[in-house]
PDB file of N, CA and C in Angstrom:
ATOM      1  N   UNK A   1     194.054 -77.943  74.145  1.00  0.00           N
ATOM      2  CA  UNK A   1     195.272 -78.495  73.598  1.00  0.00           C
ATOM      3  C   UNK A   1     196.000 -77.371  72.877  1.00  0.00           C
ATOM      4  N   UNK A   2     197.255 -77.197  73.230  1.00  0.00           N
ATOM      5  CA  UNK A   2     198.060 -76.138  72.633  1.00  0.00           C
ATOM      6  C   UNK A   2     199.345 -76.727  72.057  1.00  0.00           C
ATOM      7  N   UNK A   3     200.041 -75.953  71.262  1.00  0.00           N
ATOM      8  CA  UNK A   3     201.306 -76.389  70.680  1.00  0.00           C
ATOM      9  C   UNK A   3     202.498 -75.763  71.383  1.00  0.00           C
ATOM     10  N   UNK A   4     202.232 -74.891  72.355  1.00  0.00           N
ATOM     11  CA  UNK A   4     203.321 -74.160  72.996  1.00  0.00           C
ATOM     12  C   UNK A   4     203.181 -74.227  74.508  1.00  0.00           C
ATOM     13  N   UNK A   5     204.270 -74.492  75.194  1.00  0.00           N
ATOM     14  CA  UNK A   5     204.260 -74.613  76.657  1.00  0.00           C
ATOM     15  C   UNK A   5     203.846 -73.319  77.341  1.00  0.00           C
ATOM     16  N   UNK A   6     204.089 -72.163  76.726  1.00  0.00           N
ATOM     17  CA  UNK A   6     203.701 -70.881  77.346  1.00  0.00           C
ATOM     18  C   UNK A   6     202.204 -70.811  77.607  1.00  0.00           C
ATOM     19  N   UNK A   7     201.420 -71.405  76.709  1.00  0.00           N
ATOM     20  CA  UNK A   7     199.967 -71.399  76.896  1.00  0.00           C
ATOM     21  C   UNK A   7     199.556 -72.215  78.117  1.00  0.00           C
ATOM     22  N   UNK A   8     200.262 -73.284  78.378  1.00  0.00           N
ATOM     23  CA  UNK A   8     199.970 -74.107  79.567  1.00  0.00           C
ATOM     24  C   UNK A   8     200.413 -73.366  80.828  1.00  0.00           C
ATOM     25  N   UNK A   9     201.533 -72.715  80.769  1.00  0.00           N
ATOM     26  CA  UNK A   9     201.999 -71.945  81.926  1.00  0.00           C
ATOM     27  C   UNK A   9     201.048 -70.794  82.236  1.00  0.00           C
ATOM     28  N   UNK A  10     200.306 -70.339  81.201  1.00  0.00           N
ATOM     29  CA  UNK A  10     199.334 -69.259  81.389  1.00  0.00           C
ATOM     30  C   UNK A  10     197.961 -69.785  81.801  1.00  0.00           C
ATOM     31  N   UNK A  11     197.823 -71.115  81.957  1.00  0.00           N
ATOM     32  CA  UNK A  11     196.559 -71.680  82.429  1.00  0.00           C
ATOM     33  C   UNK A  11     195.917 -72.694  81.517  1.00  0.00           C
ATOM     34  N   UNK A  12     196.489 -72.933  80.340  1.00  0.00           N
ATOM     35  CA  UNK A  12     195.938 -73.936  79.431  1.00  0.00           C
ATOM     36  C   UNK A  12     196.094 -75.337  80.005  1.00  0.00           C
ATOM     37  N   UNK A  13     195.357 -76.270  79.466  1.00  0.00           N
ATOM     38  CA  UNK A  13     195.350 -77.631  80.005  1.00  0.00           C
ATOM     39  C   UNK A  13     196.578 -78.436  79.620  1.00  0.00           C
ATOM     40  N   UNK A  14     196.867 -78.525  78.338  1.00  0.00           N
ATOM     41  CA  UNK A  14     197.940 -79.414  77.893  1.00  0.00           C
ATOM     42  C   UNK A  14     198.535 -78.884  76.589  1.00  0.00           C
ATOM     43  N   UNK A  15     199.808 -79.139  76.397  1.00  0.00           N
ATOM     44  CA  UNK A  15     200.430 -78.778  75.123  1.00  0.00           C
ATOM     45  C   UNK A  15     201.324 -79.914  74.664  1.00  0.00           C
ATOM     46  N   UNK A  16     201.401 -80.047  73.368  1.00  0.00           N
ATOM     47  CA  UNK A  16     202.312 -81.004  72.754  1.00  0.00           C
ATOM     48  C   UNK A  16     202.817 -80.360  71.484  1.00  0.00           C
ATOM     49  N   UNK A  17     204.113 -80.173  71.414  1.00  0.00           N
ATOM     50  CA  UNK A  17     204.671 -79.517  70.251  1.00  0.00           C
ATOM     51  C   UNK A  17     206.177 -79.597  70.254  1.00  0.00           C
ATOM     52  N   UNK A  18     206.799 -78.982  69.269  1.00  0.00           N
ATOM     53  CA  UNK A  18     208.251 -79.054  69.156  1.00  0.00           C
ATOM     54  C   UNK A  18     208.944 -78.369  70.331  1.00  0.00           C
ATOM     55  N   UNK A  19     210.084 -78.914  70.684  1.00  0.00           N
ATOM     56  CA  UNK A  19     210.927 -78.305  71.712  1.00  0.00           C
ATOM     57  C   UNK A  19     211.707 -77.186  71.018  1.00  0.00           C
ATOM     58  N   UNK A  20     211.296 -75.948  71.249  1.00  0.00           N
ATOM     59  CA  UNK A  20     211.889 -74.820  70.538  1.00  0.00           C
ATOM     60  C   UNK A  20     213.356 -74.604  70.884  1.00  0.00           C
ATOM     61  N   UNK A  21     213.755 -74.898  72.107  1.00  0.00           N
ATOM     62  CA  UNK A  21     215.172 -74.763  72.489  1.00  0.00           C
ATOM     63  C   UNK A  21     216.019 -75.686  71.614  1.00  0.00           C
ATOM     64  N   UNK A  22     215.575 -76.919  71.446  1.00  0.00           N
ATOM     65  CA  UNK A  22     216.292 -77.866  70.598  1.00  0.00           C
ATOM     66  C   UNK A  22     216.329 -77.377  69.153  1.00  0.00           C
ATOM     67  N   UNK A  23     215.215 -76.839  68.676  1.00  0.00           N
ATOM     68  CA  UNK A  23     215.165 -76.323  67.299  1.00  0.00           C
ATOM     69  C   UNK A  23     216.129 -75.162  67.099  1.00  0.00           C
ATOM     70  N   UNK A  24     216.223 -74.284  68.087  1.00  0.00           N
ATOM     71  CA  UNK A  24     217.144 -73.144  67.985  1.00  0.00           C
ATOM     72  C   UNK A  24     218.595 -73.616  67.963  1.00  0.00           C
ATOM     73  N   UNK A  25     218.904 -74.614  68.767  1.00  0.00           N
ATOM     74  CA  UNK A  25     220.275 -75.149  68.770  1.00  0.00           C
ATOM     75  C   UNK A  25     220.627 -75.740  67.412  1.00  0.00           C
ATOM     76  N   UNK A  26     219.672 -76.468  66.837  1.00  0.00           N
ATOM     77  CA  UNK A  26     219.927 -77.078  65.541  1.00  0.00           C
ATOM     78  C   UNK A  26     220.024 -76.018  64.447  1.00  0.00           C
ATOM     79  N   UNK A  27     219.272 -74.944  64.575  1.00  0.00           N
ATOM     80  CA  UNK A  27     219.354 -73.851  63.597  1.00  0.00           C
ATOM     81  C   UNK A  27     220.738 -73.207  63.630  1.00  0.00           C
ATOM     82  N   UNK A  28     221.336 -73.173  64.808  1.00  0.00           N
ATOM     83  CA  UNK A  28     222.682 -72.592  64.929  1.00  0.00           C
ATOM     84  C   UNK A  28     223.697 -73.385  64.108  1.00  0.00           C
ATOM     85  N   UNK A  29     223.513 -74.700  63.994  1.00  0.00           N
ATOM     86  CA  UNK A  29     224.439 -75.483  63.170  1.00  0.00           C
ATOM     87  C   UNK A  29     224.287 -75.121  61.689  1.00  0.00           C
ATOM     88  N   UNK A  30     223.064 -74.782  61.274  1.00  0.00           N
ATOM     89  CA  UNK A  30     222.858 -74.322  59.903  1.00  0.00           C
ATOM     90  C   UNK A  30     223.594 -73.007  59.671  1.00  0.00           C
ATOM     91  N   UNK A  31     223.464 -72.086  60.590  1.00  0.00           N
ATOM     92  CA  UNK A  31     224.142 -70.794  60.468  1.00  0.00           C
ATOM     93  C   UNK A  31     225.647 -71.006  60.384  1.00  0.00           C
ATOM     94  N   UNK A  32     226.172 -71.884  61.220  1.00  0.00           N
ATOM     95  CA  UNK A  32     227.609 -72.178  61.218  1.00  0.00           C
ATOM     96  C   UNK A  32     228.045 -72.700  59.851  1.00  0.00           C
ATOM     97  N   UNK A  33     227.291 -73.626  59.300  1.00  0.00           N
ATOM     98  CA  UNK A  33     227.647 -74.188  57.991  1.00  0.00           C
ATOM     99  C   UNK A  33     227.594 -73.138  56.900  1.00  0.00           C
ATOM    100  N   UNK A  34     226.599 -72.263  56.937  1.00  0.00           N
ATOM    101  CA  UNK A  34     226.478 -71.209  55.930  1.00  0.00           C
ATOM    102  C   UNK A  34     227.634 -70.223  56.049  1.00  0.00           C
ATOM    103  N   UNK A  35     227.989 -69.856  57.276  1.00  0.00           N
ATOM    104  CA  UNK A  35     229.112 -68.932  57.474  1.00  0.00           C
ATOM    105  C   UNK A  35     230.440 -69.541  57.043  1.00  0.00           C
ATOM    106  N   UNK A  36     230.512 -70.866  57.037  1.00  0.00           N
ATOM    107  CA  UNK A  36     231.732 -71.551  56.596  1.00  0.00           C
ATOM    108  C   UNK A  36     231.733 -71.829  55.099  1.00  0.00           C
ATOM    109  N   UNK A  37     230.690 -71.368  54.383  1.00  0.00           N
ATOM    110  CA  UNK A  37     230.704 -71.450  52.932  1.00  0.00           C
ATOM    111  C   UNK A  37     229.715 -72.403  52.284  1.00  0.00           C
ATOM    112  N   UNK A  38     228.986 -73.178  53.045  1.00  0.00           N
ATOM    113  CA  UNK A  38     227.996 -74.070  52.446  1.00  0.00           C
ATOM    114  C   UNK A  38     226.838 -73.248  51.893  1.00  0.00           C
ATOM    115  N   UNK A  39     226.418 -73.585  50.695  1.00  0.00           N
ATOM    116  CA  UNK A  39     225.284 -72.884  50.096  1.00  0.00           C
ATOM    117  C   UNK A  39     224.003 -73.345  50.795  1.00  0.00           C
ATOM    118  N   UNK A  40     223.123 -72.422  51.127  1.00  0.00           N
ATOM    119  CA  UNK A  40     221.862 -72.812  51.782  1.00  0.00           C
ATOM    120  C   UNK A  40     221.073 -73.838  50.978  1.00  0.00           C
ATOM    121  N   UNK A  41     221.164 -73.775  49.655  1.00  0.00           N
ATOM    122  CA  UNK A  41     220.421 -74.731  48.819  1.00  0.00           C
ATOM    123  C   UNK A  41     220.967 -76.152  48.945  1.00  0.00           C
ATOM    124  N   UNK A  42     222.176 -76.300  49.494  1.00  0.00           N
ATOM    125  CA  UNK A  42     222.774 -77.620  49.673  1.00  0.00           C
ATOM    126  C   UNK A  42     222.409 -78.256  51.014  1.00  0.00           C
ATOM    127  N   UNK A  43     221.800 -77.470  51.886  1.00  0.00           N
ATOM    128  CA  UNK A  43     221.433 -77.992  53.206  1.00  0.00           C
ATOM    129  C   UNK A  43     220.054 -78.639  53.162  1.00  0.00           C
ATOM    130  N   UNK A  44     219.902 -79.779  53.835  1.00  0.00           N
ATOM    131  CA  UNK A  44     218.592 -80.433  53.827  1.00  0.00           C
ATOM    132  C   UNK A  44     217.583 -79.685  54.693  1.00  0.00           C
ATOM    133  N   UNK A  45     216.325 -79.838  54.344  1.00  0.00           N
ATOM    134  CA  UNK A  45     215.243 -79.303  55.165  1.00  0.00           C
ATOM    135  C   UNK A  45     215.011 -80.310  56.283  1.00  0.00           C
ATOM    136  N   UNK A  46     214.936 -79.838  57.510  1.00  0.00           N
ATOM    137  CA  UNK A  46     214.743 -80.729  58.645  1.00  0.00           C
ATOM    138  C   UNK A  46     213.454 -80.395  59.380  1.00  0.00           C
ATOM    139  N   UNK A  47     212.833 -81.417  59.894  1.00  0.00           N
ATOM    140  CA  UNK A  47     211.656 -81.261  60.752  1.00  0.00           C
ATOM    141  C   UNK A  47     212.109 -81.370  62.201  1.00  0.00           C
ATOM    142  N   UNK A  48     211.268 -80.952  63.095  1.00  0.00           N
ATOM    143  CA  UNK A  48     211.583 -81.079  64.515  1.00  0.00           C
ATOM    144  C   UNK A  48     211.805 -82.543  64.858  1.00  0.00           C
ATOM    145  N   UNK A  49     212.796 -82.785  65.699  1.00  0.00           N
ATOM    146  CA  UNK A  49     213.096 -84.143  66.142  1.00  0.00           C
ATOM    147  C   UNK A  49     212.627 -84.394  67.563  1.00  0.00           C
ATOM    148  N   UNK A  50     212.547 -83.343  68.330  1.00  0.00           N
ATOM    149  CA  UNK A  50     212.214 -83.485  69.741  1.00  0.00           C
ATOM    150  C   UNK A  50     210.916 -82.725  70.027  1.00  0.00           C
ATOM    151  N   UNK A  51     209.994 -83.411  70.681  1.00  0.00           N
ATOM    152  CA  UNK A  51     208.711 -82.821  71.042  1.00  0.00           C
ATOM    153  C   UNK A  51     208.547 -82.903  72.554  1.00  0.00           C
ATOM    154  N   UNK A  52     207.699 -82.035  73.098  1.00  0.00           N
ATOM    155  CA  UNK A  52     207.493 -82.037  74.543  1.00  0.00           C
ATOM    156  C   UNK A  52     206.010 -82.001  74.877  1.00  0.00           C
ATOM    157  N   UNK A  53     205.665 -82.678  75.960  1.00  0.00           N
ATOM    158  CA  UNK A  53     204.315 -82.721  76.485  1.00  0.00           C
ATOM    159  C   UNK A  53     204.317 -82.004  77.821  1.00  0.00           C
ATOM    160  N   UNK A  54     203.433 -81.014  77.966  1.00  0.00           N
ATOM    161  CA  UNK A  54     203.327 -80.245  79.207  1.00  0.00           C
ATOM    162  C   UNK A  54     201.875 -80.303  79.662  1.00  0.00           C
ATOM    163  N   UNK A  55     201.680 -80.610  80.947  1.00  0.00           N
ATOM    164  CA  UNK A  55     200.337 -80.757  81.518  1.00  0.00           C
ATOM    165  C   UNK A  55     200.171 -79.787  82.679  1.00  0.00           C
ATOM    166  N   UNK A  56     199.025 -79.106  82.725  1.00  0.00           N
ATOM    167  CA  UNK A  56     198.702 -78.211  83.834  1.00  0.00           C
ATOM    168  C   UNK A  56     197.700 -78.953  84.733  1.00  0.00           C
ATOM    169  N   UNK A  57     198.210 -79.470  85.851  1.00  0.00           N
ATOM    170  CA  UNK A  57     197.392 -80.264  86.759  1.00  0.00           C
ATOM    171  C   UNK A  57     196.293 -79.427  87.414  1.00  0.00           C
ATOM    172  N   UNK A  58     196.576 -78.168  87.708  1.00  0.00           N
ATOM    173  CA  UNK A  58     195.588 -77.298  88.351  1.00  0.00           C
ATOM    174  C   UNK A  58     194.383 -77.065  87.421  1.00  0.00           C
ATOM    175  N   UNK A  59     194.655 -76.824  86.152  1.00  0.00           N
ATOM    176  CA  UNK A  59     193.577 -76.626  85.193  1.00  0.00           C
ATOM    177  C   UNK A  59     192.762 -77.909  85.024  1.00  0.00           C
ATOM    178  N   UNK A  60     193.440 -79.047  85.004  1.00  0.00           N
ATOM    179  CA  UNK A  60     192.730 -80.327  84.887  1.00  0.00           C
ATOM    180  C   UNK A  60     191.796 -80.518  86.069  1.00  0.00           C
ATOM    181  N   UNK A  61     192.267 -80.206  87.263  1.00  0.00           N
ATOM    182  CA  UNK A  61     191.437 -80.338  88.461  1.00  0.00           C
ATOM    183  C   UNK A  61     190.244 -79.386  88.404  1.00  0.00           C
ATOM    184  N   UNK A  62     190.474 -78.157  87.974  1.00  0.00           N
ATOM    185  CA  UNK A  62     189.404 -77.166  87.860  1.00  0.00           C
ATOM    186  C   UNK A  62     188.323 -77.629  86.883  1.00  0.00           C
ATOM    187  N   UNK A  63     188.745 -78.299  85.815  1.00  0.00           N
ATOM    188  CA  UNK A  63     187.796 -78.797  84.814  1.00  0.00           C
ATOM    189  C   UNK A  63     187.167 -80.137  85.219  1.00  0.00           C
ATOM    190  N   UNK A  64     187.605 -80.687  86.340  1.00  0.00           N
ATOM    191  CA  UNK A  64     187.077 -81.968  86.802  1.00  0.00           C
ATOM    192  C   UNK A  64     187.633 -83.159  86.044  1.00  0.00           C
ATOM    193  N   UNK A  65     188.824 -82.990  85.466  1.00  0.00           N
ATOM    194  CA  UNK A  65     189.450 -84.058  84.693  1.00  0.00           C
ATOM    195  C   UNK A  65     190.489 -84.794  85.523  1.00  0.00           C
ATOM    196  N   UNK A  66     190.634 -86.053  85.263  1.00  0.00           N
ATOM    197  CA  UNK A  66     191.688 -86.845  85.893  1.00  0.00           C
ATOM    198  C   UNK A  66     192.689 -87.222  84.802  1.00  0.00           C
ATOM    199  N   UNK A  67     193.908 -86.777  84.973  1.00  0.00           N
ATOM    200  CA  UNK A  67     194.965 -87.112  84.022  1.00  0.00           C
ATOM    201  C   UNK A  67     195.570 -88.442  84.478  1.00  0.00           C
ATOM    202  N   UNK A  68     195.568 -89.461  83.626  1.00  0.00           N
ATOM    203  CA  UNK A  68     196.121 -90.755  84.023  1.00  0.00           C
ATOM    204  C   UNK A  68     197.594 -90.634  84.439  1.00  0.00           C
ATOM    205  N   UNK A  69     197.986 -91.341  85.497  1.00  0.00           N
ATOM    206  CA  UNK A  69     199.375 -91.285  85.959  1.00  0.00           C
ATOM    207  C   UNK A  69     200.389 -91.599  84.863  1.00  0.00           C
ATOM    208  N   UNK A  70     200.023 -92.475  83.961  1.00  0.00           N
ATOM    209  CA  UNK A  70     200.939 -92.827  82.874  1.00  0.00           C
ATOM    210  C   UNK A  70     201.262 -91.615  82.004  1.00  0.00           C
ATOM    211  N   UNK A  71     200.272 -90.769  81.769  1.00  0.00           N
ATOM    212  CA  UNK A  71     200.488 -89.546  80.981  1.00  0.00           C
ATOM    213  C   UNK A  71     201.377 -88.590  81.755  1.00  0.00           C
ATOM    214  N   UNK A  72     201.127 -88.461  83.053  1.00  0.00           N
ATOM    215  CA  UNK A  72     201.941 -87.560  83.882  1.00  0.00           C
ATOM    216  C   UNK A  72     203.389 -88.013  83.934  1.00  0.00           C
ATOM    217  N   UNK A  73     203.619 -89.323  83.966  1.00  0.00           N
ATOM    218  CA  UNK A  73     204.989 -89.840  84.001  1.00  0.00           C
ATOM    219  C   UNK A  73     205.718 -89.578  82.688  1.00  0.00           C
ATOM    220  N   UNK A  74     204.977 -89.539  81.597  1.00  0.00           N
ATOM    221  CA  UNK A  74     205.595 -89.318  80.290  1.00  0.00           C
ATOM    222  C   UNK A  74     205.742 -87.838  79.958  1.00  0.00           C
ATOM    223  N   UNK A  75     205.112 -86.982  80.736  1.00  0.00           N
ATOM    224  CA  UNK A  75     205.168 -85.541  80.464  1.00  0.00           C
ATOM    225  C   UNK A  75     206.567 -85.003  80.727  1.00  0.00           C
ATOM    226  N   UNK A  76     206.971 -84.037  79.914  1.00  0.00           N
ATOM    227  CA  UNK A  76     208.246 -83.363  80.126  1.00  0.00           C
ATOM    228  C   UNK A  76     208.156 -82.399  81.299  1.00  0.00           C
ATOM    229  N   UNK A  77     206.954 -81.888  81.532  1.00  0.00           N
ATOM    230  CA  UNK A  77     206.750 -80.959  82.649  1.00  0.00           C
ATOM    231  C   UNK A  77     205.280 -81.048  83.083  1.00  0.00           C
ATOM    232  N   UNK A  78     205.069 -81.047  84.400  1.00  0.00           N
ATOM    233  CA  UNK A  78     203.736 -80.992  84.956  1.00  0.00           C
ATOM    234  C   UNK A  78     203.658 -79.746  85.790  1.00  0.00           C
ATOM    235  N   UNK A  79     202.761 -78.835  85.411  1.00  0.00           N
ATOM    236  CA  UNK A  79     202.594 -77.552  86.111  1.00  0.00           C
ATOM    237  C   UNK A  79     201.514 -77.730  87.156  1.00  0.00           C
ATOM    238  N   UNK A  80     201.801 -77.325  88.397  1.00  0.00           N
ATOM    239  CA  UNK A  80     200.806 -77.413  89.485  1.00  0.00           C
ATOM    240  C   UNK A  80     200.150 -76.090  89.749  1.00  0.00           C
TER     241      UNK A  80
END
């Protein structure tokens, strides 16, 4: 189990963690507000809102695991 999709693309079994692309986009809105004069201390602290599940089917097969179809349907990406 990993927190980053890169680990699954490199052969790991499964990852579940924040969608970094979404986090970077949201960080850009903070930068915009700061450049327009908002004090950083006035901005709220935010947690990730979007998470992604990535499954490596080849690794699961190699380990002799069966990933339930329901999990595969809910995955953001299934790597073969």
